[in-house]
PDB file of all heavy atoms in Angstrom:
ATOM      1  N   PHE A   1     155.928 126.214-180.652  1.00  0.00           N
ATOM      2  CA  PHE A   1     157.329 126.780-180.478  1.00  0.00           C
ATOM      3  C   PHE A   1     158.120 126.567-181.872  1.00  0.00           C
ATOM      4  O   PHE A   1     159.109 127.228-181.993  1.00  0.00           O
ATOM      5  CB  PHE A   1     158.097 126.216-179.401  1.00  0.00           C
ATOM      6  CG  PHE A   1     158.408 124.686-179.425  1.00  0.00           C
ATOM      7  CD1 PHE A   1     159.467 124.212-180.202  1.00  0.00           C
ATOM      8  CD2 PHE A   1     157.641 123.758-178.783  1.00  0.00           C
ATOM      9  CE1 PHE A   1     159.801 122.867-180.255  1.00  0.00           C
ATOM     10  CE2 PHE A   1     157.938 122.389-178.809  1.00  0.00           C
ATOM     11  CZ  PHE A   1     159.027 121.991-179.569  1.00  0.00           C
ATOM     12  N   VAL A   2     157.587 125.793-182.743  1.00  0.00           N
ATOM     13  CA  VAL A   2     158.130 125.752-184.102  1.00  0.00           C
ATOM     14  C   VAL A   2     157.372 126.538-185.073  1.00  0.00           C
ATOM     15  O   VAL A   2     157.957 127.315-185.834  1.00  0.00           O
ATOM     16  CB  VAL A   2     158.149 124.247-184.598  1.00  0.00           C
ATOM     17  CG1 VAL A   2     158.507 124.154-186.097  1.00  0.00           C
ATOM     18  CG2 VAL A   2     159.224 123.492-183.809  1.00  0.00           C
ATOM     19  N   LEU A   3     156.073 126.447-184.966  1.00  0.00           N
ATOM     20  CA  LEU A   3     155.118 127.086-185.987  1.00  0.00           C
ATOM     21  C   LEU A   3     155.248 128.619-185.878  1.00  0.00           C
ATOM     22  O   LEU A   3     155.344 129.279-186.955  1.00  0.00           O
ATOM     23  CB  LEU A   3     153.696 126.660-185.830  1.00  0.00           C
ATOM     24  CG  LEU A   3     153.583 125.104-186.119  1.00  0.00           C
ATOM     25  CD1 LEU A   3     152.225 124.673-185.621  1.00  0.00           C
ATOM     26  CD2 LEU A   3     153.752 124.851-187.668  1.00  0.00           C
ATOM     27  N   GLN A   4     155.213 129.119-184.697  1.00  0.00           N
ATOM     28  CA  GLN A   4     155.173 130.662-184.516  1.00  0.00           C
ATOM     29  C   GLN A   4     156.395 131.364-185.134  1.00  0.00           C
ATOM     30  O   GLN A   4     156.355 132.226-185.933  1.00  0.00           O
ATOM     31  CB  GLN A   4     154.976 131.129-183.068  1.00  0.00           C
ATOM     32  CG  GLN A   4     154.851 132.609-182.852  1.00  0.00           C
ATOM     33  CD  GLN A   4     153.741 133.155-183.579  1.00  0.00           C
ATOM     34  OE1 GLN A   4     152.569 132.664-183.397  1.00  0.00           O
ATOM     35  NE2 GLN A   4     153.919 134.214-184.297  1.00  0.00           N
ATOM     36  N   PRO A   5     157.528 130.830-184.764  1.00  0.00           N
ATOM     37  CA  PRO A   5     158.734 131.437-185.371  1.00  0.00           C
ATOM     38  C   PRO A   5     158.919 131.169-186.846  1.00  0.00           C
ATOM     39  O   PRO A   5     159.387 132.039-187.618  1.00  0.00           O
ATOM     40  CB  PRO A   5     159.938 130.885-184.604  1.00  0.00           C
ATOM     41  CG  PRO A   5     159.399 129.767-183.777  1.00  0.00           C
ATOM     42  CD  PRO A   5     157.990 129.909-183.740  1.00  0.00           C
ATOM     43  N   LEU A   6     158.471 129.983-187.326  1.00  0.00           N
ATOM     44  CA  LEU A   6     158.483 129.776-188.806  1.00  0.00           C
ATOM     45  C   LEU A   6     157.570 130.749-189.487  1.00  0.00           C
ATOM     46  O   LEU A   6     157.944 131.277-190.539  1.00  0.00           O
ATOM     47  CB  LEU A   6     157.970 128.230-188.973  1.00  0.00           C
ATOM     48  CG  LEU A   6     157.837 127.810-190.452  1.00  0.00           C
ATOM     49  CD1 LEU A   6     159.180 127.825-191.125  1.00  0.00           C
ATOM     50  CD2 LEU A   6     157.215 126.401-190.518  1.00  0.00           C
ATOM     51  N   LEU A   7     156.402 130.951-188.994  1.00  0.00           N
ATOM     52  CA  LEU A   7     155.497 131.909-189.613  1.00  0.00           C
ATOM     53  C   LEU A   7     156.000 133.326-189.560  1.00  0.00           C
ATOM     54  O   LEU A   7     155.601 134.087-190.455  1.00  0.00           O
ATOM     55  CB  LEU A   7     154.091 131.733-188.970  1.00  0.00           C
ATOM     56  CG  LEU A   7     153.328 130.499-189.374  1.00  0.00           C
ATOM     57  CD1 LEU A   7     152.148 130.285-188.480  1.00  0.00           C
ATOM     58  CD2 LEU A   7     152.895 130.581-190.821  1.00  0.00           C
ATOM     59  N   GLU A   8     156.755 133.584-188.628  1.00  0.00           N
ATOM     60  CA  GLU A   8     157.455 134.921-188.505  1.00  0.00           C
ATOM     61  C   GLU A   8     158.329 135.133-189.755  1.00  0.00           C
ATOM     62  O   GLU A   8     158.466 136.257-190.275  1.00  0.00           O
ATOM     63  CB  GLU A   8     158.179 135.028-187.239  1.00  0.00           C
ATOM     64  CG  GLU A   8     158.823 136.376-186.925  1.00  0.00           C
ATOM     65  CD  GLU A   8     159.522 136.416-185.629  1.00  0.00           C
ATOM     66  OE1 GLU A   8     159.098 135.804-184.648  1.00  0.00           O
ATOM     67  OE2 GLU A   8     160.708 136.914-185.718  1.00  0.00           O
ATOM     68  N   ILE A   9     158.978 134.112-190.227  1.00  0.00           N
ATOM     69  CA  ILE A   9     159.877 134.181-191.375  1.00  0.00           C
ATOM     70  C   ILE A   9     159.147 134.071-192.709  1.00  0.00           C
ATOM     71  O   ILE A   9     159.396 134.745-193.591  1.00  0.00           O
ATOM     72  CB  ILE A   9     160.892 132.974-191.206  1.00  0.00           C
ATOM     73  CG1 ILE A   9     161.827 133.171-190.067  1.00  0.00           C
ATOM     74  CG2 ILE A   9     161.754 132.900-192.546  1.00  0.00           C
ATOM     75  CD1 ILE A   9     162.765 132.125-189.782  1.00  0.00           C
ATOM     76  N   VAL A  10     158.124 133.162-192.782  1.00  0.00           N
ATOM     77  CA  VAL A  10     157.409 132.981-193.997  1.00  0.00           C
ATOM     78  C   VAL A  10     155.927 132.761-193.719  1.00  0.00           C
ATOM     79  O   VAL A  10     155.449 131.706-193.259  1.00  0.00           O
ATOM     80  CB  VAL A  10     157.936 131.873-194.848  1.00  0.00           C
ATOM     81  CG1 VAL A  10     157.951 130.491-194.121  1.00  0.00           C
ATOM     82  CG2 VAL A  10     157.291 131.666-196.142  1.00  0.00           C
ATOM     83  N   ALA A  11     155.128 133.878-193.783  1.00  0.00           N
ATOM     84  CA  ALA A  11     153.784 133.987-193.374  1.00  0.00           C
ATOM     85  C   ALA A  11     152.897 133.039-194.054  1.00  0.00           C
ATOM     86  O   ALA A  11     151.843 132.591-193.591  1.00  0.00           O
ATOM     87  CB  ALA A  11     153.227 135.410-193.449  1.00  0.00           C
ATOM     88  N   ASP A  12     153.224 132.696-195.289  1.00  0.00           N
ATOM     89  CA  ASP A  12     152.239 131.784-196.058  1.00  0.00           C
ATOM     90  C   ASP A  12     152.782 130.367-196.214  1.00  0.00           C
ATOM     91  O   ASP A  12     152.461 129.614-197.128  1.00  0.00           O
ATOM     92  CB  ASP A  12     151.993 132.332-197.463  1.00  0.00           C
ATOM     93  CG  ASP A  12     153.353 132.473-198.247  1.00  0.00           C
ATOM     94  OD1 ASP A  12     154.458 132.319-197.721  1.00  0.00           O
ATOM     95  OD2 ASP A  12     153.287 132.745-199.469  1.00  0.00           O
ATOM     96  N   CYS A  13     153.582 129.897-195.205  1.00  0.00           N
ATOM     97  CA  CYS A  13     154.217 128.562-195.147  1.00  0.00           C
ATOM     98  C   CYS A  13     153.152 127.424-195.264  1.00  0.00           C
ATOM     99  O   CYS A  13     152.122 127.522-194.593  1.00  0.00           O
ATOM    100  CB  CYS A  13     155.040 128.416-193.939  1.00  0.00           C
ATOM    101  SG  CYS A  13     155.874 126.860-193.894  1.00  0.00           S
ATOM    102  N   VAL A  14     153.431 126.521-196.153  1.00  0.00           N
ATOM    103  CA  VAL A  14     152.606 125.245-196.227  1.00  0.00           C
ATOM    104  C   VAL A  14     153.515 124.124-195.892  1.00  0.00           C
ATOM    105  O   VAL A  14     154.692 124.016-196.395  1.00  0.00           O
ATOM    106  CB  VAL A  14     152.020 125.157-197.670  1.00  0.00           C
ATOM    107  CG1 VAL A  14     151.329 123.858-197.849  1.00  0.00           C
ATOM    108  CG2 VAL A  14     151.168 126.313-197.942  1.00  0.00           C
ATOM    109  N   ILE A  15     153.061 123.269-195.042  1.00  0.00           N
ATOM    110  CA  ILE A  15     153.793 122.095-194.732  1.00  0.00           C
ATOM    111  C   ILE A  15     153.371 120.910-195.556  1.00  0.00           C
ATOM    112  O   ILE A  15     152.207 120.528-195.422  1.00  0.00           O
ATOM    113  CB  ILE A  15     153.555 121.787-193.141  1.00  0.00           C
ATOM    114  CG1 ILE A  15     153.993 122.944-192.329  1.00  0.00           C
ATOM    115  CG2 ILE A  15     154.388 120.506-192.803  1.00  0.00           C
ATOM    116  CD1 ILE A  15     153.509 122.858-190.814  1.00  0.00           C
ATOM    117  N   PRO A  16     154.311 120.293-196.337  1.00  0.00           N
ATOM    118  CA  PRO A  16     153.903 119.221-197.218  1.00  0.00           C
ATOM    119  C   PRO A  16     153.159 118.150-196.527  1.00  0.00           C
ATOM    120  O   PRO A  16     153.654 117.694-195.438  1.00  0.00           O
ATOM    121  CB  PRO A  16     155.176 118.806-197.892  1.00  0.00           C
ATOM    122  CG  PRO A  16     156.055 120.037-197.785  1.00  0.00           C
ATOM    123  CD  PRO A  16     155.708 120.773-196.543  1.00  0.00           C
ATOM    124  N   GLY A  17     152.024 117.709-196.965  1.00  0.00           N
ATOM    125  CA  GLY A  17     151.251 116.640-196.326  1.00  0.00           C
ATOM    126  C   GLY A  17     150.451 117.114-195.135  1.00  0.00           C
ATOM    127  O   GLY A  17     149.656 116.283-194.606  1.00  0.00           O
ATOM    128  N   ARG A  18     150.571 118.299-194.643  1.00  0.00           N
ATOM    129  CA  ARG A  18     149.915 118.846-193.555  1.00  0.00           C
ATOM    130  C   ARG A  18     148.980 120.027-193.758  1.00  0.00           C
ATOM    131  O   ARG A  18     148.076 120.309-193.058  1.00  0.00           O
ATOM    132  CB  ARG A  18     150.794 119.140-192.340  1.00  0.00           C
ATOM    133  CG  ARG A  18     151.662 118.024-191.827  1.00  0.00           C
ATOM    134  CD  ARG A  18     150.749 116.979-191.158  1.00  0.00           C
ATOM    135  NE  ARG A  18     151.578 115.883-190.680  1.00  0.00           N
ATOM    136  CZ  ARG A  18     151.064 114.905-190.019  1.00  0.00           C
ATOM    137  NH1 ARG A  18     149.727 114.817-189.722  1.00  0.00           N
ATOM    138  NH2 ARG A  18     151.755 113.896-189.651  1.00  0.00           N
ATOM    139  N   GLY A  19     149.494 120.846-194.664  1.00  0.00           N
ATOM    140  CA  GLY A  19     148.707 122.124-195.132  1.00  0.00           C
ATOM    141  C   GLY A  19     149.280 123.339-194.487  1.00  0.00           C
ATOM    142  O   GLY A  19     150.506 123.415-194.186  1.00  0.00           O
ATOM    143  N   SER A  20     148.491 124.339-194.346  1.00  0.00           N
ATOM    144  CA  SER A  20     148.809 125.637-193.909  1.00  0.00           C
ATOM    145  C   SER A  20     149.436 125.645-192.510  1.00  0.00           C
ATOM    146  O   SER A  20     148.798 125.103-191.606  1.00  0.00           O
ATOM    147  CB  SER A  20     147.634 126.606-193.981  1.00  0.00           C
ATOM    148  OG  SER A  20     147.794 127.683-193.132  1.00  0.00           O
ATOM    149  N   ALA A  21     150.598 126.308-192.326  1.00  0.00           N
ATOM    150  CA  ALA A  21     151.208 126.385-191.018  1.00  0.00           C
ATOM    151  C   ALA A  21     150.313 127.247-190.087  1.00  0.00           C
ATOM    152  O   ALA A  21     150.321 127.013-188.872  1.00  0.00           O
ATOM    153  CB  ALA A  21     152.629 126.926-191.090  1.00  0.00           C
ATOM    154  N   VAL A  22     149.580 128.156-190.713  1.00  0.00           N
ATOM    155  CA  VAL A  22     148.755 129.008-189.861  1.00  0.00           C
ATOM    156  C   VAL A  22     147.656 128.155-189.260  1.00  0.00           C
ATOM    157  O   VAL A  22     147.346 128.236-188.046  1.00  0.00           O
ATOM    158  CB  VAL A  22     148.079 130.134-190.753  1.00  0.00           C
ATOM    159  CG1 VAL A  22     146.967 130.844-189.998  1.00  0.00           C
ATOM    160  CG2 VAL A  22     149.202 131.132-191.208  1.00  0.00           C
ATOM    161  N   ALA A  23     147.025 127.233-190.008  1.00  0.00           N
ATOM    162  CA  ALA A  23     146.010 126.354-189.546  1.00  0.00           C
ATOM    163  C   ALA A  23     146.586 125.463-188.475  1.00  0.00           C
ATOM    164  O   ALA A  23     145.958 125.148-187.424  1.00  0.00           O
ATOM    165  CB  ALA A  23     145.381 125.518-190.630  1.00  0.00           C
ATOM    166  N   CYS A  24     147.785 124.930-188.683  1.00  0.00           N
ATOM    167  CA  CYS A  24     148.367 124.085-187.729  1.00  0.00           C
ATOM    168  C   CYS A  24     148.624 124.853-186.398  1.00  0.00           C
ATOM    169  O   CYS A  24     148.456 124.345-185.343  1.00  0.00           O
ATOM    170  CB  CYS A  24     149.759 123.513-188.256  1.00  0.00           C
ATOM    171  SG  CYS A  24     149.619 122.414-189.619  1.00  0.00           S
ATOM    172  N   LEU A  25     149.082 126.083-186.402  1.00  0.00           N
ATOM    173  CA  LEU A  25     149.308 126.874-185.292  1.00  0.00           C
ATOM    174  C   LEU A  25     148.038 127.094-184.475  1.00  0.00           C
ATOM    175  O   LEU A  25     147.943 127.034-183.286  1.00  0.00           O
ATOM    176  CB  LEU A  25     149.958 128.191-185.623  1.00  0.00           C
ATOM    177  CG  LEU A  25     150.245 129.144-184.412  1.00  0.00           C
ATOM    178  CD1 LEU A  25     151.174 128.436-183.422  1.00  0.00           C
ATOM    179  CD2 LEU A  25     150.881 130.410-184.827  1.00  0.00           C
ATOM    180  N   ALA A  26     146.949 127.311-185.227  1.00  0.00           N
ATOM    181  CA  ALA A  26     145.652 127.482-184.557  1.00  0.00           C
ATOM    182  C   ALA A  26     145.283 126.296-183.752  1.00  0.00           C
ATOM    183  O   ALA A  26     144.689 126.437-182.662  1.00  0.00           O
ATOM    184  CB  ALA A  26     144.532 127.897-185.613  1.00  0.00           C
ATOM    185  N   ALA A  27     145.697 125.142-184.293  1.00  0.00           N
ATOM    186  CA  ALA A  27     145.335 123.886-183.560  1.00  0.00           C
ATOM    187  C   ALA A  27     146.242 123.700-182.261  1.00  0.00           C
ATOM    188  O   ALA A  27     145.918 122.834-181.448  1.00  0.00           O
ATOM    189  CB  ALA A  27     145.532 122.628-184.473  1.00  0.00           C
ATOM    190  N   CYS A  28     147.271 124.545-182.174  1.00  0.00           N
ATOM    191  CA  CYS A  28     148.163 124.458-180.941  1.00  0.00           C
ATOM    192  C   CYS A  28     147.964 125.592-180.010  1.00  0.00           C
ATOM    193  O   CYS A  28     148.823 126.032-179.281  1.00  0.00           O
ATOM    194  CB  CYS A  28     149.647 124.526-181.461  1.00  0.00           C
ATOM    195  SG  CYS A  28     150.139 123.216-182.603  1.00  0.00           S
ATOM    196  N   ALA A  29     146.828 126.220-180.062  1.00  0.00           N
ATOM    197  CA  ALA A  29     146.485 127.498-179.319  1.00  0.00           C
ATOM    198  C   ALA A  29     146.650 127.324-177.828  1.00  0.00           C
ATOM    199  O   ALA A  29     147.017 128.261-177.137  1.00  0.00           O
ATOM    200  CB  ALA A  29     145.065 128.006-179.636  1.00  0.00           C
ATOM    201  N   GLU A  30     146.585 126.061-177.342  1.00  0.00           N
ATOM    202  CA  GLU A  30     146.739 125.848-175.866  1.00  0.00           C
ATOM    203  C   GLU A  30     148.162 125.822-175.444  1.00  0.00           C
ATOM    204  O   GLU A  30     148.538 125.793-174.250  1.00  0.00           O
ATOM    205  CB  GLU A  30     145.978 124.583-175.436  1.00  0.00           C
ATOM    206  CG  GLU A  30     146.802 123.301-175.746  1.00  0.00           C
ATOM    207  CD  GLU A  30     146.835 122.885-177.282  1.00  0.00           C
ATOM    208  OE1 GLU A  30     146.093 123.522-178.102  1.00  0.00           O
ATOM    209  OE2 GLU A  30     147.601 121.907-177.621  1.00  0.00           O
ATOM    210  N   GLN A  31     149.131 125.891-176.366  1.00  0.00           N
ATOM    211  CA  GLN A  31     150.602 125.840-176.052  1.00  0.00           C
ATOM    212  C   GLN A  31     151.192 127.292-175.945  1.00  0.00           C
ATOM    213  O   GLN A  31     151.378 127.951-176.947  1.00  0.00           O
ATOM    214  CB  GLN A  31     151.346 125.064-177.110  1.00  0.00           C
ATOM    215  CG  GLN A  31     150.990 123.697-177.255  1.00  0.00           C
ATOM    216  CD  GLN A  31     151.676 122.959-178.485  1.00  0.00           C
ATOM    217  OE1 GLN A  31     152.735 123.394-178.846  1.00  0.00           O
ATOM    218  NE2 GLN A  31     151.076 121.933-178.967  1.00  0.00           N
ATOM    219  N   PRO A  32     151.351 127.701-174.711  1.00  0.00           N
ATOM    220  CA  PRO A  32     151.915 129.146-174.568  1.00  0.00           C
ATOM    221  C   PRO A  32     153.351 129.321-174.948  1.00  0.00           C
ATOM    222  O   PRO A  32     154.121 128.347-174.842  1.00  0.00           O
ATOM    223  CB  PRO A  32     151.733 129.366-173.097  1.00  0.00           C
ATOM    224  CG  PRO A  32     151.808 128.044-172.385  1.00  0.00           C
ATOM    225  CD  PRO A  32     151.183 127.102-173.488  1.00  0.00           C
TER     226      PRO A  32
END
């Protein structure tokens, strides 16, 4: 619920210390 709207604003977002927001969102796929 944070990553999807964040990526809507900035598609290539990188989270310092965590990496790509796209990769983080993929790890949250079970959260509808």
